[in-house]
Amino acid sequence: MSIQEASVVEVEISLEQLAEAINKSHRAAHESAWAAVSHAVEAGQALLEARQRIDSGTFEDWVSANTEMAYATANRYMRLAFYKDELPTSDGLTSATHGVGINAAQKALRGLPPIPKVFGSNGPVATKMDIEVAKQMRDEGRSYRDIGEALGRNETTVYYWLNPKSRQRNRDGARSRRTAEREAFKRSERDKAVKRAGGDASHAYSHLRRCAADVQSAIDKSTDREQGAHLRTALDDLYRAEDQIMKALGIS
């Protein structure tokens, strides 16, 4: 091998170095609440790489022998790393939850399938041939579990290969839940701030909140399209009135 060729050879990171990186990120995750999610994701990425190099039956033993975390924690970190692109922004995971970033991140991924046992750097590796074989086996009446075992894949991964719209519905549902949870938290914080302010404006805001809840209930029960449209307009007006009272009280 020439000097020029040797200069471009990549040096593979050893398992010992991966263990050191995992432990470093694990310690940092506990030391800094604000950076907890980022460090946990970094640890999870190193864990995922290590898992690819080790027989599945011995990976738990390797984690116990080489890292400072329980295997359950390792699984949580790997899940955060695998679904890192599905996580909300840092504001939604830290400041809005008073520093409990990792717990908030885990909650944000609720509803998403388990991470696959076999995957590449960007998720499950599926060739057209894999999917065609999976379709043929499914047409023959084979279960998702049987197909997964035959192809070396997680049964959930196989299910989403053959039902891609279902995977998207799950992701959309998870995003909707995260948005609803963030909005509910913001509204709860606003309600507390208004209550602390006191006075007639605070009472008026409370009345508006009760009215909004009643109108929302009427919308949910309505079966008439035109009636529902008028009720939604009324609800929007109530929300705008709430915002004006917030501004009058100097609460953002």
C-alpha atoms as a PDB file:
ATOM      1  CA  MET A   1       0.000   0.000   0.000  1.00  0.00           C
ATOM      2  CA  SER A   2       1.343   3.426  -0.957  1.00  0.00           C
ATOM      3  CA  ILE A   3       1.645   6.342   1.473  1.00  0.00           C
ATOM      4  CA  GLN A   4      -1.119   8.128  -0.426  1.00  0.00           C
ATOM      5  CA  GLU A   5      -3.428   5.107  -0.132  1.00  0.00           C
ATOM      6  CA  ALA A   6      -2.648   4.680   3.557  1.00  0.00           C
ATOM      7  CA  SER A   7      -3.549   8.299   4.242  1.00  0.00           C
ATOM      8  CA  VAL A   8      -7.191   7.756   3.252  1.00  0.00           C
ATOM      9  CA  VAL A   9      -7.731   4.539   5.236  1.00  0.00           C
ATOM     10  CA  GLU A  10     -10.292   5.207   7.965  1.00  0.00           C
ATOM     11  CA  VAL A  11      -9.409   3.972  11.448  1.00  0.00           C
ATOM     12  CA  GLU A  12     -12.326   2.040  12.944  1.00  0.00           C
ATOM     13  CA  ILE A  13     -13.320   3.079  16.451  1.00  0.00           C
ATOM     14  CA  SER A  14     -12.801   0.216  18.890  1.00  0.00           C
ATOM     15  CA  LEU A  15     -15.525  -1.123  21.157  1.00  0.00           C
ATOM     16  CA  GLU A  16     -13.515   0.154  24.141  1.00  0.00           C
ATOM     17  CA  GLN A  17     -13.576   3.659  22.645  1.00  0.00           C
ATOM     18  CA  LEU A  18     -17.304   3.371  22.004  1.00  0.00           C
ATOM     19  CA  ALA A  19     -17.835   2.328  25.637  1.00  0.00           C
ATOM     20  CA  GLU A  20     -15.809   5.344  26.788  1.00  0.00           C
ATOM     21  CA  ALA A  21     -17.886   7.662  24.556  1.00  0.00           C
ATOM     22  CA  ILE A  22     -21.124   6.114  25.828  1.00  0.00           C
ATOM     23  CA  ASN A  23     -20.105   6.567  29.484  1.00  0.00           C
ATOM     24  CA  LYS A  24     -18.974  10.147  28.890  1.00  0.00           C
ATOM     25  CA  SER A  25     -22.290  11.089  27.274  1.00  0.00           C
ATOM     26  CA  HIS A  26     -24.222   9.189  29.960  1.00  0.00           C
ATOM     27  CA  ARG A  27     -22.526  11.138  32.771  1.00  0.00           C
ATOM     28  CA  ALA A  28     -23.052  14.424  30.933  1.00  0.00           C
ATOM     29  CA  ALA A  29     -26.757  13.638  30.490  1.00  0.00           C
ATOM     30  CA  HIS A  30     -27.168  13.496  34.259  1.00  0.00           C
ATOM     31  CA  GLU A  31     -24.982  16.530  34.954  1.00  0.00           C
ATOM     32  CA  SER A  32     -26.746  18.967  32.644  1.00  0.00           C
ATOM     33  CA  ALA A  33     -30.539  19.060  32.491  1.00  0.00           C
ATOM     34  CA  TRP A  34     -30.557  21.547  29.625  1.00  0.00           C
ATOM     35  CA  ALA A  35     -28.333  19.373  27.438  1.00  0.00           C
ATOM     36  CA  ALA A  36     -29.731  16.048  28.660  1.00  0.00           C
ATOM     37  CA  VAL A  37     -31.561  15.094  25.483  1.00  0.00           C
ATOM     38  CA  SER A  38     -28.628  15.958  23.225  1.00  0.00           C
ATOM     39  CA  HIS A  39     -26.203  13.908  25.331  1.00  0.00           C
ATOM     40  CA  ALA A  40     -28.650  11.008  25.596  1.00  0.00           C
ATOM     41  CA  VAL A  41     -29.009  10.978  21.804  1.00  0.00           C
ATOM     42  CA  GLU A  42     -25.219  10.952  21.407  1.00  0.00           C
ATOM     43  CA  ALA A  43     -24.946   8.025  23.817  1.00  0.00           C
ATOM     44  CA  GLY A  44     -27.757   6.271  21.950  1.00  0.00           C
ATOM     45  CA  GLN A  45     -25.995   6.690  18.606  1.00  0.00           C
ATOM     46  CA  ALA A  46     -22.830   5.108  20.018  1.00  0.00           C
ATOM     47  CA  LEU A  47     -24.905   2.300  21.524  1.00  0.00           C
ATOM     48  CA  LEU A  48     -26.600   1.655  18.177  1.00  0.00           C
ATOM     49  CA  GLU A  49     -23.226   1.442  16.441  1.00  0.00           C
ATOM     50  CA  ALA A  50     -21.905  -0.941  19.084  1.00  0.00           C
ATOM     51  CA  ARG A  51     -25.031  -3.088  18.796  1.00  0.00           C
ATOM     52  CA  GLN A  52     -24.435  -3.505  15.059  1.00  0.00           C
ATOM     53  CA  ARG A  53     -21.025  -5.056  15.788  1.00  0.00           C
ATOM     54  CA  ILE A  54     -22.055  -7.416  18.581  1.00  0.00           C
ATOM     55  CA  ASP A  55     -24.183 -10.559  18.452  1.00  0.00           C
ATOM     56  CA  SER A  56     -27.701  -9.693  19.595  1.00  0.00           C
ATOM     57  CA  GLY A  57     -27.577 -12.365  22.296  1.00  0.00           C
ATOM     58  CA  THR A  58     -24.533 -10.820  23.981  1.00  0.00           C
ATOM     59  CA  PHE A  59     -25.192  -7.094  23.586  1.00  0.00           C
ATOM     60  CA  GLU A  60     -26.940  -6.766  26.957  1.00  0.00           C
ATOM     61  CA  ASP A  61     -23.933  -8.410  28.638  1.00  0.00           C
ATOM     62  CA  TRP A  62     -21.598  -6.030  26.787  1.00  0.00           C
ATOM     63  CA  VAL A  63     -23.587  -3.020  28.017  1.00  0.00           C
ATOM     64  CA  SER A  64     -23.443  -4.305  31.605  1.00  0.00           C
ATOM     65  CA  ALA A  65     -19.707  -4.992  31.446  1.00  0.00           C
ATOM     66  CA  ASN A  66     -18.600  -1.854  29.594  1.00  0.00           C
ATOM     67  CA  THR A  67     -20.987   0.977  30.481  1.00  0.00           C
ATOM     68  CA  GLU A  68     -22.242   2.654  33.630  1.00  0.00           C
ATOM     69  CA  MET A  69     -25.946   2.363  32.841  1.00  0.00           C
ATOM     70  CA  ALA A  70     -28.712  -0.184  33.210  1.00  0.00           C
ATOM     71  CA  TYR A  71     -29.788  -1.943  30.036  1.00  0.00           C
ATOM     72  CA  ALA A  72     -33.210  -0.261  30.291  1.00  0.00           C
ATOM     73  CA  THR A  73     -31.459   3.125  30.145  1.00  0.00           C
ATOM     74  CA  ALA A  74     -29.454   1.978  27.117  1.00  0.00           C
ATOM     75  CA  ASN A  75     -32.696   1.055  25.367  1.00  0.00           C
ATOM     76  CA  ARG A  76     -34.159   4.494  26.126  1.00  0.00           C
ATOM     77  CA  TYR A  77     -31.072   6.223  24.721  1.00  0.00           C
ATOM     78  CA  MET A  78     -31.113   4.079  21.573  1.00  0.00           C
ATOM     79  CA  ARG A  79     -34.784   4.905  21.010  1.00  0.00           C
ATOM     80  CA  LEU A  80     -34.101   8.642  21.363  1.00  0.00           C
ATOM     81  CA  ALA A  81     -31.205   8.350  18.896  1.00  0.00           C
ATOM     82  CA  PHE A  82     -33.152   6.315  16.358  1.00  0.00           C
ATOM     83  CA  TYR A  83     -36.088   8.762  16.402  1.00  0.00           C
ATOM     84  CA  LYS A  84     -34.050  11.932  16.908  1.00  0.00           C
ATOM     85  CA  ASP A  85     -35.635  13.582  13.859  1.00  0.00           C
ATOM     86  CA  GLU A  86     -39.082  13.081  15.408  1.00  0.00           C
ATOM     87  CA  LEU A  87     -38.239  15.010  18.604  1.00  0.00           C
ATOM     88  CA  PRO A  88     -39.634  18.521  19.172  1.00  0.00           C
ATOM     89  CA  THR A  89     -37.314  21.502  19.531  1.00  0.00           C
ATOM     90  CA  SER A  90     -35.273  22.012  22.697  1.00  0.00           C
ATOM     91  CA  ASP A  91     -37.824  24.571  23.931  1.00  0.00           C
ATOM     92  CA  GLY A  92     -40.483  21.900  23.908  1.00  0.00           C
ATOM     93  CA  LEU A  93     -38.321  19.418  25.803  1.00  0.00           C
ATOM     94  CA  THR A  94     -36.588  21.531  28.416  1.00  0.00           C
ATOM     95  CA  SER A  95     -37.764  25.025  29.236  1.00  0.00           C
ATOM     96  CA  ALA A  96     -41.414  24.097  28.737  1.00  0.00           C
ATOM     97  CA  THR A  97     -41.054  21.116  31.074  1.00  0.00           C
ATOM     98  CA  HIS A  98     -38.778  22.635  33.727  1.00  0.00           C
ATOM     99  CA  GLY A  99     -35.640  20.730  32.757  1.00  0.00           C
ATOM    100  CA  VAL A 100     -36.966  17.169  32.582  1.00  0.00           C
ATOM    101  CA  GLY A 101     -35.753  16.874  29.003  1.00  0.00           C
ATOM    102  CA  ILE A 102     -35.225  13.122  28.717  1.00  0.00           C
ATOM    103  CA  ASN A 103     -38.612  12.270  30.238  1.00  0.00           C
ATOM    104  CA  ALA A 104     -40.306  14.784  27.950  1.00  0.00           C
ATOM    105  CA  ALA A 105     -38.459  13.361  24.926  1.00  0.00           C
ATOM    106  CA  GLN A 106     -39.564   9.817  25.763  1.00  0.00           C
ATOM    107  CA  LYS A 107     -43.146  11.021  26.120  1.00  0.00           C
ATOM    108  CA  ALA A 108     -42.913  12.777  22.741  1.00  0.00           C
ATOM    109  CA  LEU A 109     -42.054   9.470  21.040  1.00  0.00           C
ATOM    110  CA  ARG A 110     -45.015   7.668  22.565  1.00  0.00           C
ATOM    111  CA  GLY A 111     -46.967   5.763  19.910  1.00  0.00           C
ATOM    112  CA  LEU A 112     -44.018   5.215  17.574  1.00  0.00           C
ATOM    113  CA  PRO A 113     -43.062   1.554  16.935  1.00  0.00           C
ATOM    114  CA  PRO A 114     -40.123  -0.178  18.648  1.00  0.00           C
ATOM    115  CA  ILE A 115     -36.779   0.418  16.986  1.00  0.00           C
ATOM    116  CA  PRO A 116     -35.894  -2.417  14.571  1.00  0.00           C
ATOM    117  CA  LYS A 117     -33.318  -5.029  15.413  1.00  0.00           C
ATOM    118  CA  VAL A 118     -31.571  -4.589  12.052  1.00  0.00           C
ATOM    119  CA  PHE A 119     -31.109  -1.148  10.563  1.00  0.00           C
ATOM    120  CA  GLY A 120     -28.718   1.212   8.831  1.00  0.00           C
ATOM    121  CA  SER A 121     -27.629   4.688   9.893  1.00  0.00           C
ATOM    122  CA  ASN A 122     -30.863   6.238   8.621  1.00  0.00           C
ATOM    123  CA  GLY A 123     -33.317   3.550   9.680  1.00  0.00           C
ATOM    124  CA  PRO A 124     -34.360   0.083   8.506  1.00  0.00           C
ATOM    125  CA  VAL A 125     -32.520  -0.983   5.371  1.00  0.00           C
ATOM    126  CA  ALA A 126     -35.023  -2.327   2.863  1.00  0.00           C
ATOM    127  CA  THR A 127     -34.228  -3.138  -0.763  1.00  0.00           C
ATOM    128  CA  LYS A 128     -36.905  -3.550  -3.419  1.00  0.00           C
ATOM    129  CA  MET A 129     -36.094  -7.251  -3.344  1.00  0.00           C
ATOM    130  CA  ASP A 130     -36.736  -7.390   0.436  1.00  0.00           C
ATOM    131  CA  ILE A 131     -40.130  -5.759   0.036  1.00  0.00           C
ATOM    132  CA  GLU A 132     -41.121  -7.935  -2.903  1.00  0.00           C
ATOM    133  CA  VAL A 133     -40.158 -11.086  -0.991  1.00  0.00           C
ATOM    134  CA  ALA A 134     -42.078  -9.834   2.060  1.00  0.00           C
ATOM    135  CA  LYS A 135     -45.168  -9.169  -0.101  1.00  0.00           C
ATOM    136  CA  GLN A 136     -44.978 -12.632  -1.642  1.00  0.00           C
ATOM    137  CA  MET A 137     -44.627 -14.285   1.775  1.00  0.00           C
ATOM    138  CA  ARG A 138     -47.539 -12.246   3.103  1.00  0.00           C
ATOM    139  CA  ASP A 139     -49.685 -13.282   0.113  1.00  0.00           C
ATOM    140  CA  GLU A 140     -48.845 -16.874   1.010  1.00  0.00           C
ATOM    141  CA  GLY A 141     -50.398 -16.299   4.441  1.00  0.00           C
ATOM    142  CA  ARG A 142     -47.176 -15.928   6.457  1.00  0.00           C
ATOM    143  CA  SER A 143     -47.343 -13.787   9.618  1.00  0.00           C
ATOM    144  CA  TYR A 144     -45.324 -10.581  10.024  1.00  0.00           C
ATOM    145  CA  ARG A 145     -43.278 -12.335  12.710  1.00  0.00           C
ATOM    146  CA  ASP A 146     -42.435 -15.238  10.367  1.00  0.00           C
ATOM    147  CA  ILE A 147     -41.483 -12.840   7.576  1.00  0.00           C
ATOM    148  CA  GLY A 148     -39.329 -10.804   9.947  1.00  0.00           C
ATOM    149  CA  GLU A 149     -37.488 -13.879  11.180  1.00  0.00           C
ATOM    150  CA  ALA A 150     -36.923 -15.077   7.612  1.00  0.00           C
ATOM    151  CA  LEU A 151     -35.550 -11.694   6.487  1.00  0.00           C
ATOM    152  CA  GLY A 152     -33.708 -10.841   9.703  1.00  0.00           C
ATOM    153  CA  ARG A 153     -36.011  -7.909  10.442  1.00  0.00           C
ATOM    154  CA  ASN A 154     -38.256  -6.799  13.297  1.00  0.00           C
ATOM    155  CA  GLU A 155     -41.899  -7.765  12.667  1.00  0.00           C
ATOM    156  CA  THR A 156     -42.950  -4.128  13.163  1.00  0.00           C
ATOM    157  CA  THR A 157     -40.494  -3.060  10.457  1.00  0.00           C
ATOM    158  CA  VAL A 158     -41.954  -5.619   8.060  1.00  0.00           C
ATOM    159  CA  TYR A 159     -45.474  -4.403   8.857  1.00  0.00           C
ATOM    160  CA  TYR A 160     -44.526  -0.836   7.915  1.00  0.00           C
ATOM    161  CA  TRP A 161     -42.793  -2.000   4.729  1.00  0.00           C
ATOM    162  CA  LEU A 162     -46.095  -3.473   3.611  1.00  0.00           C
ATOM    163  CA  ASN A 163     -48.323  -0.766   5.140  1.00  0.00           C
ATOM    164  CA  PRO A 164     -46.435   2.537   4.618  1.00  0.00           C
ATOM    165  CA  LYS A 165     -49.577   4.664   5.095  1.00  0.00           C
ATOM    166  CA  SER A 166     -50.051   3.185   8.562  1.00  0.00           C
ATOM    167  CA  ARG A 167     -46.516   4.277   9.524  1.00  0.00           C
ATOM    168  CA  GLN A 168     -47.275   7.824   8.362  1.00  0.00           C
ATOM    169  CA  ARG A 169     -50.569   7.857  10.285  1.00  0.00           C
ATOM    170  CA  ASN A 170     -48.693   6.826  13.437  1.00  0.00           C
ATOM    171  CA  ARG A 171     -46.142   9.596  12.954  1.00  0.00           C
ATOM    172  CA  ASP A 172     -48.835  12.182  12.214  1.00  0.00           C
ATOM    173  CA  GLY A 173     -50.754  11.055  15.297  1.00  0.00           C
ATOM    174  CA  ALA A 174     -47.645  11.327  17.474  1.00  0.00           C
ATOM    175  CA  ARG A 175     -46.961  14.846  16.167  1.00  0.00           C
ATOM    176  CA  SER A 176     -50.573  15.865  16.817  1.00  0.00           C
ATOM    177  CA  ARG A 177     -50.357  14.574  20.389  1.00  0.00           C
ATOM    178  CA  ARG A 178     -47.096  16.464  20.967  1.00  0.00           C
ATOM    179  CA  THR A 179     -48.659  19.674  19.634  1.00  0.00           C
ATOM    180  CA  ALA A 180     -51.762  19.222  21.792  1.00  0.00           C
ATOM    181  CA  GLU A 181     -49.642  18.544  24.887  1.00  0.00           C
ATOM    182  CA  ARG A 182     -47.533  21.658  24.294  1.00  0.00           C
ATOM    183  CA  GLU A 183     -50.628  23.804  23.747  1.00  0.00           C
ATOM    184  CA  ALA A 184     -52.282  22.382  26.872  1.00  0.00           C
ATOM    185  CA  PHE A 185     -49.149  23.179  28.888  1.00  0.00           C
ATOM    186  CA  LYS A 186     -49.011  26.761  27.586  1.00  0.00           C
ATOM    187  CA  ARG A 187     -52.695  27.288  28.350  1.00  0.00           C
ATOM    188  CA  SER A 188     -52.251  25.854  31.854  1.00  0.00           C
ATOM    189  CA  GLU A 189     -49.354  28.247  32.523  1.00  0.00           C
ATOM    190  CA  ARG A 190     -51.423  31.176  31.239  1.00  0.00           C
ATOM    191  CA  ASP A 191     -54.351  30.200  33.477  1.00  0.00           C
ATOM    192  CA  LYS A 192     -52.047  30.148  36.508  1.00  0.00           C
ATOM    193  CA  ALA A 193     -50.611  33.563  35.625  1.00  0.00           C
ATOM    194  CA  VAL A 194     -54.093  35.093  35.242  1.00  0.00           C
ATOM    195  CA  LYS A 195     -55.224  33.597  38.557  1.00  0.00           C
ATOM    196  CA  ARG A 196     -52.193  35.127  40.298  1.00  0.00           C
ATOM    197  CA  ALA A 197     -53.051  38.528  38.772  1.00  0.00           C
ATOM    198  CA  GLY A 198     -56.529  38.511  40.363  1.00  0.00           C
ATOM    199  CA  GLY A 199     -59.188  41.196  39.965  1.00  0.00           C
ATOM    200  CA  ASP A 200     -62.189  41.560  37.657  1.00  0.00           C
ATOM    201  CA  ALA A 201     -60.149  40.876  34.515  1.00  0.00           C
ATOM    202  CA  SER A 202     -59.014  37.584  35.994  1.00  0.00           C
ATOM    203  CA  HIS A 203     -62.635  36.618  36.750  1.00  0.00           C
ATOM    204  CA  ALA A 204     -63.686  37.587  33.215  1.00  0.00           C
ATOM    205  CA  TYR A 205     -60.917  35.367  31.796  1.00  0.00           C
ATOM    206  CA  SER A 206     -62.132  32.431  33.910  1.00  0.00           C
ATOM    207  CA  HIS A 207     -65.677  32.907  32.590  1.00  0.00           C
ATOM    208  CA  LEU A 208     -64.380  32.947  29.016  1.00  0.00           C
ATOM    209  CA  ARG A 209     -62.430  29.732  29.614  1.00  0.00           C
ATOM    210  CA  ARG A 210     -65.583  27.998  30.891  1.00  0.00           C
ATOM    211  CA  CYS A 211     -67.574  29.301  27.930  1.00  0.00           C
ATOM    212  CA  ALA A 212     -64.900  28.068  25.523  1.00  0.00           C
ATOM    213  CA  ALA A 213     -65.037  24.601  27.098  1.00  0.00           C
ATOM    214  CA  ASP A 214     -68.851  24.538  26.708  1.00  0.00           C
ATOM    215  CA  VAL A 215     -68.650  25.649  23.073  1.00  0.00           C
ATOM    216  CA  GLN A 216     -65.991  23.011  22.325  1.00  0.00           C
ATOM    217  CA  SER A 217     -68.267  20.381  23.864  1.00  0.00           C
ATOM    218  CA  ALA A 218     -71.130  21.579  21.648  1.00  0.00           C
ATOM    219  CA  ILE A 219     -68.870  21.349  18.582  1.00  0.00           C
ATOM    220  CA  ASP A 220     -67.892  17.789  19.471  1.00  0.00           C
ATOM    221  CA  LYS A 221     -71.554  16.777  19.787  1.00  0.00           C
ATOM    222  CA  SER A 222     -72.869  18.677  16.769  1.00  0.00           C
ATOM    223  CA  THR A 223     -73.853  16.684  13.668  1.00  0.00           C
ATOM    224  CA  ASP A 224     -74.996  19.709  11.642  1.00  0.00           C
ATOM    225  CA  ARG A 225     -72.246  21.117   9.409  1.00  0.00           C
ATOM    226  CA  GLU A 226     -73.583  24.689   9.343  1.00  0.00           C
ATOM    227  CA  GLN A 227     -74.152  24.734  13.097  1.00  0.00           C
ATOM    228  CA  GLY A 228     -70.645  23.391  13.656  1.00  0.00           C
ATOM    229  CA  ALA A 229     -69.155  26.144  11.494  1.00  0.00           C
ATOM    230  CA  HIS A 230     -70.935  28.871  13.495  1.00  0.00           C
ATOM    231  CA  LEU A 231     -69.836  27.288  16.764  1.00  0.00           C
ATOM    232  CA  ARG A 232     -66.193  27.173  15.612  1.00  0.00           C
ATOM    233  CA  THR A 233     -66.411  30.875  14.718  1.00  0.00           C
ATOM    234  CA  ALA A 234     -67.760  31.572  18.215  1.00  0.00           C
ATOM    235  CA  LEU A 235     -64.927  29.557  19.748  1.00  0.00           C
ATOM    236  CA  ASP A 236     -62.331  31.540  17.790  1.00  0.00           C
ATOM    237  CA  ASP A 237     -63.915  34.770  19.064  1.00  0.00           C
ATOM    238  CA  LEU A 238     -63.680  33.497  22.645  1.00  0.00           C
ATOM    239  CA  TYR A 239     -60.014  32.656  22.188  1.00  0.00           C
ATOM    240  CA  ARG A 240     -59.349  36.125  20.783  1.00  0.00           C
ATOM    241  CA  ALA A 241     -61.125  37.644  23.793  1.00  0.00           C
ATOM    242  CA  GLU A 242     -58.901  35.565  26.099  1.00  0.00           C
ATOM    243  CA  ASP A 243     -55.815  36.889  24.305  1.00  0.00           C
ATOM    244  CA  GLN A 244     -56.980  40.485  24.733  1.00  0.00           C
ATOM    245  CA  ILE A 245     -57.454  40.004  28.483  1.00  0.00           C
ATOM    246  CA  MET A 246     -53.960  38.483  28.678  1.00  0.00           C
ATOM    247  CA  LYS A 247     -52.543  41.565  26.988  1.00  0.00           C
ATOM    248  CA  ALA A 248     -54.530  43.833  29.314  1.00  0.00           C
ATOM    249  CA  LEU A 249     -52.954  42.020  32.294  1.00  0.00           C
ATOM    250  CA  GLY A 250     -49.479  42.272  30.744  1.00  0.00           C
ATOM    251  CA  ILE A 251     -49.130  38.486  30.411  1.00  0.00           C
ATOM    252  CA  SER A 252     -47.547  37.162  27.218  1.00  0.00           C
END
